[in-house]
Amino acid sequence: MKTQENNLWYPKAIPGIRPTAWWYYGRALFVSRHDYKKIFYKFIAVGIPLGLVGLIFDNRLAWILAFTTGFLGLTLLLFSLAGLYLQYGHIAPRYFKKLLNLENTPDNITVADIHIGTYRHSYIFSEILPNATIYSVDCKQEPRFSEELAVREVQALETPPTAEHIKTVFTKNFEVPLHANSCDVVVFGFGTHEIPDRERELIFNEAKRILKPNGKLLLFEHGIDLLNYMFFGPVIYHVTQAGTWKQLLTEKFKGVKQSRLFAVNLFSATNSK
């Protein structure tokens, strides 16, 4: 079931105005509230019984375990808040720049930013590459797509850019409405893991089609590791592992490079046609 916009109390992006870094950070917290609630209930389910045992039976060990559970929960929450800020707040352009530096990308290029309904990446690339033409390729209208509530809320809260050098287009059956060999760079960012496996194959083939010979494929995503677990909790297990991305890129492209900044895995590859 798709999210109804009028059920969301977080302010929707204003059409024609780029949201601030604080807005994106706040939205990341907002759509994560469902997971925070689940994790909170789990800590409560452990901490309260331990506290009651300590209180009723004057059990020192139970008290220690109860306070430890509460302290651990608070620590993980603070760590998550900081981690989301690193990835969605004001310093997030650092990993975009590092990604571009993997291939020494010039700024007077044509970029296709393929995403699942968040225009944040297109805005940031337009700032880092002020002379580039950015095609913001939105996949959110596809009939077979992620039904994850957080994804639907992200999509409901954003509006397409109206900047002259950012042009929004929509996929149909995961086909990109751009000409073959028309882009210097194709970018996949956060949320790419939400595209189902069969459709992911289609969209990466489309990326290969629209890239110029020796054009660059750039990808940044969360991974399954301790740091991302600290940021996102158990829900991180539904993302795609870094090794799987590397294998996919190696099968379709050449010269795959891999790096990392904060908890973000960075990949680049060259079109082999």
C-alpha atoms as a PDB file:
ATOM      1  CA  MET A   1       0.000   0.000   0.000  1.00  0.00           C
ATOM      2  CA  LYS A   2       1.415   3.381  -0.973  1.00  0.00           C
ATOM      3  CA  THR A   3       1.862   6.132   1.549  1.00  0.00           C
ATOM      4  CA  GLN A   4      -0.766   8.872   1.441  1.00  0.00           C
ATOM      5  CA  GLU A   5       0.845  12.307   1.543  1.00  0.00           C
ATOM      6  CA  ASN A   6      -1.750  13.737   3.904  1.00  0.00           C
ATOM      7  CA  ASN A   7      -0.749  11.169   6.535  1.00  0.00           C
ATOM      8  CA  LEU A   8       2.773  12.613   6.793  1.00  0.00           C
ATOM      9  CA  TRP A   9       3.417  15.378   9.296  1.00  0.00           C
ATOM     10  CA  TYR A  10       6.962  16.111   8.080  1.00  0.00           C
ATOM     11  CA  PRO A  11       6.919  19.148   5.748  1.00  0.00           C
ATOM     12  CA  LYS A  12       6.991  18.309   2.067  1.00  0.00           C
ATOM     13  CA  ALA A  13       9.689  19.889  -0.103  1.00  0.00           C
ATOM     14  CA  ILE A  14       8.552  23.152  -1.674  1.00  0.00           C
ATOM     15  CA  PRO A  15       8.376  22.853  -5.488  1.00  0.00           C
ATOM     16  CA  GLY A  16      11.134  24.819  -7.195  1.00  0.00           C
ATOM     17  CA  ILE A  17      13.221  25.259  -4.026  1.00  0.00           C
ATOM     18  CA  ARG A  18      16.076  22.969  -3.132  1.00  0.00           C
ATOM     19  CA  PRO A  19      15.607  21.531   0.386  1.00  0.00           C
ATOM     20  CA  THR A  20      18.320  22.369   2.894  1.00  0.00           C
ATOM     21  CA  ALA A  21      20.752  19.852   4.361  1.00  0.00           C
ATOM     22  CA  TRP A  22      18.798  20.104   7.614  1.00  0.00           C
ATOM     23  CA  TRP A  23      15.623  19.157   5.750  1.00  0.00           C
ATOM     24  CA  TYR A  24      17.261  16.067   4.278  1.00  0.00           C
ATOM     25  CA  TYR A  25      18.717  15.108   7.638  1.00  0.00           C
ATOM     26  CA  GLY A  26      15.335  15.614   9.287  1.00  0.00           C
ATOM     27  CA  ARG A  27      13.660  13.534   6.596  1.00  0.00           C
ATOM     28  CA  ALA A  28      16.164  10.722   7.147  1.00  0.00           C
ATOM     29  CA  LEU A  29      15.245  10.735  10.838  1.00  0.00           C
ATOM     30  CA  PHE A  30      11.542  10.970  10.028  1.00  0.00           C
ATOM     31  CA  VAL A  31      11.434   7.959   7.707  1.00  0.00           C
ATOM     32  CA  SER A  32      13.622   6.016  10.172  1.00  0.00           C
ATOM     33  CA  ARG A  33      11.122   6.508  13.001  1.00  0.00           C
ATOM     34  CA  HIS A  34       9.445   3.165  12.289  1.00  0.00           C
ATOM     35  CA  ASP A  35      12.738   1.319  12.788  1.00  0.00           C
ATOM     36  CA  TYR A  36      13.634   3.415  15.845  1.00  0.00           C
ATOM     37  CA  LYS A  37      10.285   2.450  17.354  1.00  0.00           C
ATOM     38  CA  LYS A  38      10.858  -1.268  16.759  1.00  0.00           C
ATOM     39  CA  ILE A  39      14.332  -1.128  18.273  1.00  0.00           C
ATOM     40  CA  PHE A  40      13.059   0.930  21.231  1.00  0.00           C
ATOM     41  CA  TYR A  41      10.391  -1.666  21.984  1.00  0.00           C
ATOM     42  CA  LYS A  42      12.994  -4.422  21.935  1.00  0.00           C
ATOM     43  CA  PHE A  43      15.168  -2.594  24.456  1.00  0.00           C
ATOM     44  CA  ILE A  44      12.099  -1.931  26.609  1.00  0.00           C
ATOM     45  CA  ALA A  45      11.143  -5.609  26.415  1.00  0.00           C
ATOM     46  CA  VAL A  46      14.549  -6.498  27.852  1.00  0.00           C
ATOM     47  CA  GLY A  47      15.213  -3.572  30.182  1.00  0.00           C
ATOM     48  CA  ILE A  48      11.898  -3.344  32.048  1.00  0.00           C
ATOM     49  CA  PRO A  49      11.756  -7.025  33.125  1.00  0.00           C
ATOM     50  CA  LEU A  50      15.356  -6.802  34.303  1.00  0.00           C
ATOM     51  CA  GLY A  51      14.541  -3.646  36.257  1.00  0.00           C
ATOM     52  CA  LEU A  52      11.502  -5.297  37.851  1.00  0.00           C
ATOM     53  CA  VAL A  53      13.553  -8.303  38.864  1.00  0.00           C
ATOM     54  CA  GLY A  54      16.133  -6.006  40.412  1.00  0.00           C
ATOM     55  CA  LEU A  55      13.451  -4.034  42.228  1.00  0.00           C
ATOM     56  CA  ILE A  56      11.347  -6.937  43.495  1.00  0.00           C
ATOM     57  CA  PHE A  57      14.166  -9.284  44.462  1.00  0.00           C
ATOM     58  CA  ASP A  58      16.788  -6.628  45.243  1.00  0.00           C
ATOM     59  CA  ASN A  59      19.013  -8.311  42.685  1.00  0.00           C
ATOM     60  CA  ARG A  60      22.126  -6.266  41.997  1.00  0.00           C
ATOM     61  CA  LEU A  61      23.002  -8.149  38.799  1.00  0.00           C
ATOM     62  CA  ALA A  62      19.530  -7.524  37.354  1.00  0.00           C
ATOM     63  CA  TRP A  63      19.864  -3.800  38.127  1.00  0.00           C
ATOM     64  CA  ILE A  64      23.257  -3.669  36.424  1.00  0.00           C
ATOM     65  CA  LEU A  65      21.917  -5.459  33.351  1.00  0.00           C
ATOM     66  CA  ALA A  66      18.875  -3.174  33.225  1.00  0.00           C
ATOM     67  CA  PHE A  67      20.978  -0.005  33.368  1.00  0.00           C
ATOM     68  CA  THR A  68      23.442  -1.474  30.862  1.00  0.00           C
ATOM     69  CA  THR A  69      20.581  -2.180  28.467  1.00  0.00           C
ATOM     70  CA  GLY A  70      19.320   1.385  28.795  1.00  0.00           C
ATOM     71  CA  PHE A  71      22.801   2.867  28.389  1.00  0.00           C
ATOM     72  CA  LEU A  72      23.466   0.715  25.331  1.00  0.00           C
ATOM     73  CA  GLY A  73      20.173   1.758  23.764  1.00  0.00           C
ATOM     74  CA  LEU A  74      20.884   5.461  24.333  1.00  0.00           C
ATOM     75  CA  THR A  75      24.427   5.108  23.002  1.00  0.00           C
ATOM     76  CA  LEU A  76      23.214   3.399  19.828  1.00  0.00           C
ATOM     77  CA  LEU A  77      20.586   6.108  19.334  1.00  0.00           C
ATOM     78  CA  LEU A  78      23.169   8.902  19.619  1.00  0.00           C
ATOM     79  CA  PHE A  79      25.515   7.007  17.306  1.00  0.00           C
ATOM     80  CA  SER A  80      22.716   6.604  14.773  1.00  0.00           C
ATOM     81  CA  LEU A  81      21.823  10.307  14.903  1.00  0.00           C
ATOM     82  CA  ALA A  82      25.464  11.220  14.276  1.00  0.00           C
ATOM     83  CA  GLY A  83      25.805   8.642  11.495  1.00  0.00           C
ATOM     84  CA  LEU A  84      22.732   9.848   9.643  1.00  0.00           C
ATOM     85  CA  TYR A  85      24.058  13.387   9.836  1.00  0.00           C
ATOM     86  CA  LEU A  86      27.358  12.294   8.282  1.00  0.00           C
ATOM     87  CA  GLN A  87      25.496  10.734   5.378  1.00  0.00           C
ATOM     88  CA  TYR A  88      22.650  13.217   4.886  1.00  0.00           C
ATOM     89  CA  GLY A  89      23.763  16.465   6.553  1.00  0.00           C
ATOM     90  CA  HIS A  90      25.976  19.366   5.561  1.00  0.00           C
ATOM     91  CA  ILE A  91      29.204  17.393   5.108  1.00  0.00           C
ATOM     92  CA  ALA A  92      27.642  14.723   2.866  1.00  0.00           C
ATOM     93  CA  PRO A  93      29.094  16.302  -0.339  1.00  0.00           C
ATOM     94  CA  ARG A  94      32.484  14.979   0.782  1.00  0.00           C
ATOM     95  CA  TYR A  95      31.690  11.454  -0.360  1.00  0.00           C
ATOM     96  CA  PHE A  96      30.220  12.788  -3.604  1.00  0.00           C
ATOM     97  CA  LYS A  97      33.504  14.593  -4.276  1.00  0.00           C
ATOM     98  CA  LYS A  98      35.567  11.536  -3.381  1.00  0.00           C
ATOM     99  CA  LEU A  99      33.416   9.477  -5.728  1.00  0.00           C
ATOM    100  CA  LEU A 100      34.055  11.910  -8.593  1.00  0.00           C
ATOM    101  CA  ASN A 101      37.758  11.985  -7.763  1.00  0.00           C
ATOM    102  CA  LEU A 102      37.982   8.237  -8.355  1.00  0.00           C
ATOM    103  CA  GLU A 103      37.813   9.081 -12.063  1.00  0.00           C
ATOM    104  CA  ASN A 104      39.034  12.728 -12.038  1.00  0.00           C
ATOM    105  CA  THR A 105      35.686  13.740 -13.480  1.00  0.00           C
ATOM    106  CA  PRO A 106      35.569  17.166 -15.211  1.00  0.00           C
ATOM    107  CA  ASP A 107      32.578  19.435 -14.592  1.00  0.00           C
ATOM    108  CA  ASN A 108      31.419  20.178 -18.156  1.00  0.00           C
ATOM    109  CA  ILE A 109      29.766  16.816 -18.690  1.00  0.00           C
ATOM    110  CA  THR A 110      26.352  15.193 -19.034  1.00  0.00           C
ATOM    111  CA  VAL A 111      25.292  13.192 -15.982  1.00  0.00           C
ATOM    112  CA  ALA A 112      22.381  10.787 -15.570  1.00  0.00           C
ATOM    113  CA  ASP A 113      21.516  10.455 -11.885  1.00  0.00           C
ATOM    114  CA  ILE A 114      19.341   7.340 -11.647  1.00  0.00           C
ATOM    115  CA  HIS A 115      17.392   7.170  -8.394  1.00  0.00           C
ATOM    116  CA  ILE A 116      14.231   5.919  -6.712  1.00  0.00           C
ATOM    117  CA  GLY A 117      12.478   9.218  -6.095  1.00  0.00           C
ATOM    118  CA  THR A 118      14.924  11.342  -4.094  1.00  0.00           C
ATOM    119  CA  TYR A 119      16.417  14.330  -5.901  1.00  0.00           C
ATOM    120  CA  ARG A 120      19.049  15.053  -3.279  1.00  0.00           C
ATOM    121  CA  HIS A 121      21.820  13.487  -5.337  1.00  0.00           C
ATOM    122  CA  SER A 122      20.939  15.530  -8.428  1.00  0.00           C
ATOM    123  CA  TYR A 123      21.071  18.763  -6.430  1.00  0.00           C
ATOM    124  CA  ILE A 124      24.459  17.949  -4.915  1.00  0.00           C
ATOM    125  CA  PHE A 125      25.989  16.925  -8.233  1.00  0.00           C
ATOM    126  CA  SER A 126      24.681  20.126  -9.803  1.00  0.00           C
ATOM    127  CA  GLU A 127      26.561  22.109  -7.137  1.00  0.00           C
ATOM    128  CA  ILE A 128      29.792  20.135  -7.400  1.00  0.00           C
ATOM    129  CA  LEU A 129      29.613  20.181 -11.223  1.00  0.00           C
ATOM    130  CA  PRO A 130      28.163  23.651 -11.962  1.00  0.00           C
ATOM    131  CA  ASN A 131      28.818  23.372 -15.715  1.00  0.00           C
ATOM    132  CA  ALA A 132      27.281  19.928 -16.106  1.00  0.00           C
ATOM    133  CA  THR A 133      23.897  18.985 -17.507  1.00  0.00           C
ATOM    134  CA  ILE A 134      22.145  16.750 -14.982  1.00  0.00           C
ATOM    135  CA  TYR A 135      19.395  14.331 -15.982  1.00  0.00           C
ATOM    136  CA  SER A 136      17.552  13.305 -12.841  1.00  0.00           C
ATOM    137  CA  VAL A 137      16.216   9.873 -13.793  1.00  0.00           C
ATOM    138  CA  ASP A 138      13.371   8.914 -11.455  1.00  0.00           C
ATOM    139  CA  CYS A 139      12.252   5.266 -11.171  1.00  0.00           C
ATOM    140  CA  LYS A 140       9.494   5.788  -8.610  1.00  0.00           C
ATOM    141  CA  GLN A 141       6.601   5.461 -11.083  1.00  0.00           C
ATOM    142  CA  GLU A 142       7.434   1.845 -11.863  1.00  0.00           C
ATOM    143  CA  PRO A 143       4.526  -0.494 -11.011  1.00  0.00           C
ATOM    144  CA  ARG A 144       6.784  -3.205  -9.561  1.00  0.00           C
ATOM    145  CA  PHE A 145       8.902  -1.533  -6.975  1.00  0.00           C
ATOM    146  CA  SER A 146       9.745  -1.483  -3.307  1.00  0.00           C
ATOM    147  CA  GLU A 147       6.746  -1.381  -0.990  1.00  0.00           C
ATOM    148  CA  GLU A 148       8.917  -0.465   1.984  1.00  0.00           C
ATOM    149  CA  LEU A 149       7.107   2.259   3.914  1.00  0.00           C
ATOM    150  CA  ALA A 150      10.201   4.415   4.394  1.00  0.00           C
ATOM    151  CA  VAL A 151      10.822   4.443   0.625  1.00  0.00           C
ATOM    152  CA  ARG A 152       7.259   5.500  -0.115  1.00  0.00           C
ATOM    153  CA  GLU A 153       7.504   8.300   2.427  1.00  0.00           C
ATOM    154  CA  VAL A 154      10.759   9.531   0.888  1.00  0.00           C
ATOM    155  CA  GLN A 155       9.078   9.619  -2.504  1.00  0.00           C
ATOM    156  CA  ALA A 156       5.985  11.400  -1.194  1.00  0.00           C
ATOM    157  CA  LEU A 157       7.972  14.165   0.488  1.00  0.00           C
ATOM    158  CA  GLU A 158      10.143  15.254  -2.461  1.00  0.00           C
ATOM    159  CA  THR A 159       9.313  17.236  -5.575  1.00  0.00           C
ATOM    160  CA  PRO A 160      11.271  17.329  -8.865  1.00  0.00           C
ATOM    161  CA  PRO A 161      13.836  20.105  -9.334  1.00  0.00           C
ATOM    162  CA  THR A 162      13.023  23.005 -11.610  1.00  0.00           C
ATOM    163  CA  ALA A 163      16.596  24.258 -12.075  1.00  0.00           C
ATOM    164  CA  GLU A 164      17.454  24.833 -15.732  1.00  0.00           C
ATOM    165  CA  HIS A 165      20.460  22.505 -15.729  1.00  0.00           C
ATOM    166  CA  ILE A 166      18.613  19.677 -13.918  1.00  0.00           C
ATOM    167  CA  LYS A 167      16.162  17.908 -16.200  1.00  0.00           C
ATOM    168  CA  THR A 168      13.820  15.345 -14.651  1.00  0.00           C
ATOM    169  CA  VAL A 169      12.783  12.283 -16.640  1.00  0.00           C
ATOM    170  CA  PHE A 170      10.963   9.120 -15.565  1.00  0.00           C
ATOM    171  CA  THR A 171      11.665   5.518 -16.439  1.00  0.00           C
ATOM    172  CA  LYS A 172       9.016   3.246 -17.921  1.00  0.00           C
ATOM    173  CA  ASN A 173       9.532  -0.483 -17.469  1.00  0.00           C
ATOM    174  CA  PHE A 174      12.952   0.556 -16.203  1.00  0.00           C
ATOM    175  CA  GLU A 175      13.907   1.979 -19.580  1.00  0.00           C
ATOM    176  CA  VAL A 176      15.691   5.344 -19.425  1.00  0.00           C
ATOM    177  CA  PRO A 177      14.292   7.925 -21.900  1.00  0.00           C
ATOM    178  CA  LEU A 178      17.740   9.119 -23.012  1.00  0.00           C
ATOM    179  CA  HIS A 179      19.602   8.441 -26.243  1.00  0.00           C
ATOM    180  CA  ALA A 180      22.312   5.824 -26.507  1.00  0.00           C
ATOM    181  CA  ASN A 181      25.853   7.120 -25.919  1.00  0.00           C
ATOM    182  CA  SER A 182      24.503  10.434 -24.613  1.00  0.00           C
ATOM    183  CA  CYS A 183      25.986  10.583 -21.093  1.00  0.00           C
ATOM    184  CA  ASP A 184      29.509  10.955 -19.780  1.00  0.00           C
ATOM    185  CA  VAL A 185      28.589   9.712 -16.309  1.00  0.00           C
ATOM    186  CA  VAL A 186      25.775   7.607 -14.874  1.00  0.00           C
ATOM    187  CA  VAL A 187      25.272   7.660 -11.107  1.00  0.00           C
ATOM    188  CA  PHE A 188      23.452   5.249  -8.822  1.00  0.00           C
ATOM    189  CA  GLY A 189      23.122   6.293  -5.173  1.00  0.00           C
ATOM    190  CA  PHE A 190      21.402   5.457  -1.905  1.00  0.00           C
ATOM    191  CA  GLY A 191      18.281   3.415  -2.468  1.00  0.00           C
ATOM    192  CA  THR A 192      19.497   1.508  -5.520  1.00  0.00           C
ATOM    193  CA  HIS A 193      19.296  -1.655  -3.423  1.00  0.00           C
ATOM    194  CA  GLU A 194      15.500  -1.179  -3.318  1.00  0.00           C
ATOM    195  CA  ILE A 195      15.213  -1.968  -7.035  1.00  0.00           C
ATOM    196  CA  PRO A 196      14.299  -5.678  -7.432  1.00  0.00           C
ATOM    197  CA  ASP A 197      16.999  -7.961  -8.827  1.00  0.00           C
ATOM    198  CA  ARG A 198      15.445  -8.508 -12.283  1.00  0.00           C
ATOM    199  CA  GLU A 199      14.718  -4.810 -12.725  1.00  0.00           C
ATOM    200  CA  ARG A 200      18.175  -3.959 -11.403  1.00  0.00           C
ATOM    201  CA  GLU A 201      19.622  -5.970 -14.289  1.00  0.00           C
ATOM    202  CA  LEU A 202      17.486  -3.951 -16.702  1.00  0.00           C
ATOM    203  CA  ILE A 203      18.421  -0.551 -15.294  1.00  0.00           C
ATOM    204  CA  PHE A 204      22.160  -1.307 -15.270  1.00  0.00           C
ATOM    205  CA  ASN A 205      21.897  -2.443 -18.888  1.00  0.00           C
ATOM    206  CA  GLU A 206      20.215   0.883 -19.594  1.00  0.00           C
ATOM    207  CA  ALA A 207      23.074   2.673 -17.854  1.00  0.00           C
ATOM    208  CA  LYS A 208      25.490   0.889 -20.135  1.00  0.00           C
ATOM    209  CA  ARG A 209      23.416   1.839 -23.171  1.00  0.00           C
ATOM    210  CA  ILE A 210      23.223   5.562 -22.448  1.00  0.00           C
ATOM    211  CA  LEU A 211      26.882   5.857 -21.478  1.00  0.00           C
ATOM    212  CA  LYS A 212      29.360   7.021 -24.070  1.00  0.00           C
ATOM    213  CA  PRO A 213      32.254   4.693 -24.890  1.00  0.00           C
ATOM    214  CA  ASN A 214      34.620   4.873 -21.894  1.00  0.00           C
ATOM    215  CA  GLY A 215      31.962   6.773 -19.951  1.00  0.00           C
ATOM    216  CA  LYS A 216      31.950   6.340 -16.179  1.00  0.00           C
ATOM    217  CA  LEU A 217      29.537   4.479 -13.931  1.00  0.00           C
ATOM    218  CA  LEU A 218      29.534   5.760 -10.332  1.00  0.00           C
ATOM    219  CA  LEU A 219      27.754   4.094  -7.423  1.00  0.00           C
ATOM    220  CA  PHE A 220      27.521   4.875  -3.716  1.00  0.00           C
ATOM    221  CA  GLU A 221      25.552   2.777  -1.261  1.00  0.00           C
ATOM    222  CA  HIS A 222      25.341   1.606   2.331  1.00  0.00           C
ATOM    223  CA  GLY A 223      26.853  -1.764   3.134  1.00  0.00           C
ATOM    224  CA  ILE A 224      26.356  -4.564   5.615  1.00  0.00           C
ATOM    225  CA  ASP A 225      29.055  -3.995   8.225  1.00  0.00           C
ATOM    226  CA  LEU A 226      29.449  -3.004  11.864  1.00  0.00           C
ATOM    227  CA  LEU A 227      29.472   0.748  11.248  1.00  0.00           C
ATOM    228  CA  ASN A 228      26.305   0.675   9.151  1.00  0.00           C
ATOM    229  CA  TYR A 229      24.719  -1.615  11.727  1.00  0.00           C
ATOM    230  CA  MET A 230      25.460   1.017  14.379  1.00  0.00           C
ATOM    231  CA  PHE A 231      23.859   3.693  12.182  1.00  0.00           C
ATOM    232  CA  PHE A 232      20.776   1.804  10.964  1.00  0.00           C
ATOM    233  CA  GLY A 233      20.316  -1.161  13.266  1.00  0.00           C
ATOM    234  CA  PRO A 234      19.119  -4.594  12.112  1.00  0.00           C
ATOM    235  CA  VAL A 235      17.268  -3.134   9.114  1.00  0.00           C
ATOM    236  CA  ILE A 236      20.641  -2.700   7.375  1.00  0.00           C
ATOM    237  CA  TYR A 237      20.529  -6.395   6.498  1.00  0.00           C
ATOM    238  CA  HIS A 238      18.138  -5.760   3.600  1.00  0.00           C
ATOM    239  CA  VAL A 239      20.704  -3.670   1.676  1.00  0.00           C
ATOM    240  CA  THR A 240      23.073  -5.134  -0.913  1.00  0.00           C
ATOM    241  CA  GLN A 241      26.553  -6.159   0.170  1.00  0.00           C
ATOM    242  CA  ALA A 242      29.563  -4.370  -1.302  1.00  0.00           C
ATOM    243  CA  GLY A 243      30.846  -7.590  -2.845  1.00  0.00           C
ATOM    244  CA  THR A 244      27.606  -8.026  -4.789  1.00  0.00           C
ATOM    245  CA  TRP A 245      27.863  -4.513  -6.241  1.00  0.00           C
ATOM    246  CA  LYS A 246      31.461  -5.118  -7.226  1.00  0.00           C
ATOM    247  CA  GLN A 247      30.538  -8.381  -8.940  1.00  0.00           C
ATOM    248  CA  LEU A 248      27.694  -6.716 -10.866  1.00  0.00           C
ATOM    249  CA  LEU A 249      29.931  -3.880 -12.041  1.00  0.00           C
ATOM    250  CA  THR A 250      32.745  -6.254 -12.983  1.00  0.00           C
ATOM    251  CA  GLU A 251      30.356  -8.264 -15.174  1.00  0.00           C
ATOM    252  CA  LYS A 252      29.147  -5.215 -17.111  1.00  0.00           C
ATOM    253  CA  PHE A 253      32.004  -2.721 -17.007  1.00  0.00           C
ATOM    254  CA  LYS A 254      35.783  -2.571 -16.785  1.00  0.00           C
ATOM    255  CA  GLY A 255      38.311  -0.962 -14.466  1.00  0.00           C
ATOM    256  CA  VAL A 256      36.181  -1.236 -11.319  1.00  0.00           C
ATOM    257  CA  LYS A 257      37.507   0.870  -8.443  1.00  0.00           C
ATOM    258  CA  GLN A 258      36.332   0.787  -4.853  1.00  0.00           C
ATOM    259  CA  SER A 259      36.716   3.215  -1.966  1.00  0.00           C
ATOM    260  CA  ARG A 260      34.897   4.297   1.168  1.00  0.00           C
ATOM    261  CA  LEU A 261      34.127   7.394   3.220  1.00  0.00           C
ATOM    262  CA  PHE A 262      32.221   7.433   6.511  1.00  0.00           C
ATOM    263  CA  ALA A 263      30.021   4.323   6.165  1.00  0.00           C
ATOM    264  CA  VAL A 264      29.464   4.799   2.425  1.00  0.00           C
ATOM    265  CA  ASN A 265      30.844   2.334  -0.120  1.00  0.00           C
ATOM    266  CA  LEU A 266      32.024   4.062  -3.303  1.00  0.00           C
ATOM    267  CA  PHE A 267      32.456   2.385  -6.697  1.00  0.00           C
ATOM    268  CA  SER A 268      33.438   3.523 -10.148  1.00  0.00           C
ATOM    269  CA  ALA A 269      33.765   1.667 -13.440  1.00  0.00           C
ATOM    270  CA  THR A 270      34.300   2.387 -17.129  1.00  0.00           C
ATOM    271  CA  ASN A 271      31.932   1.524 -19.955  1.00  0.00           C
ATOM    272  CA  SER A 272      33.588  -1.202 -21.990  1.00  0.00           C
ATOM    273  CA  LYS A 273      31.843  -0.717 -25.336  1.00  0.00           C
END
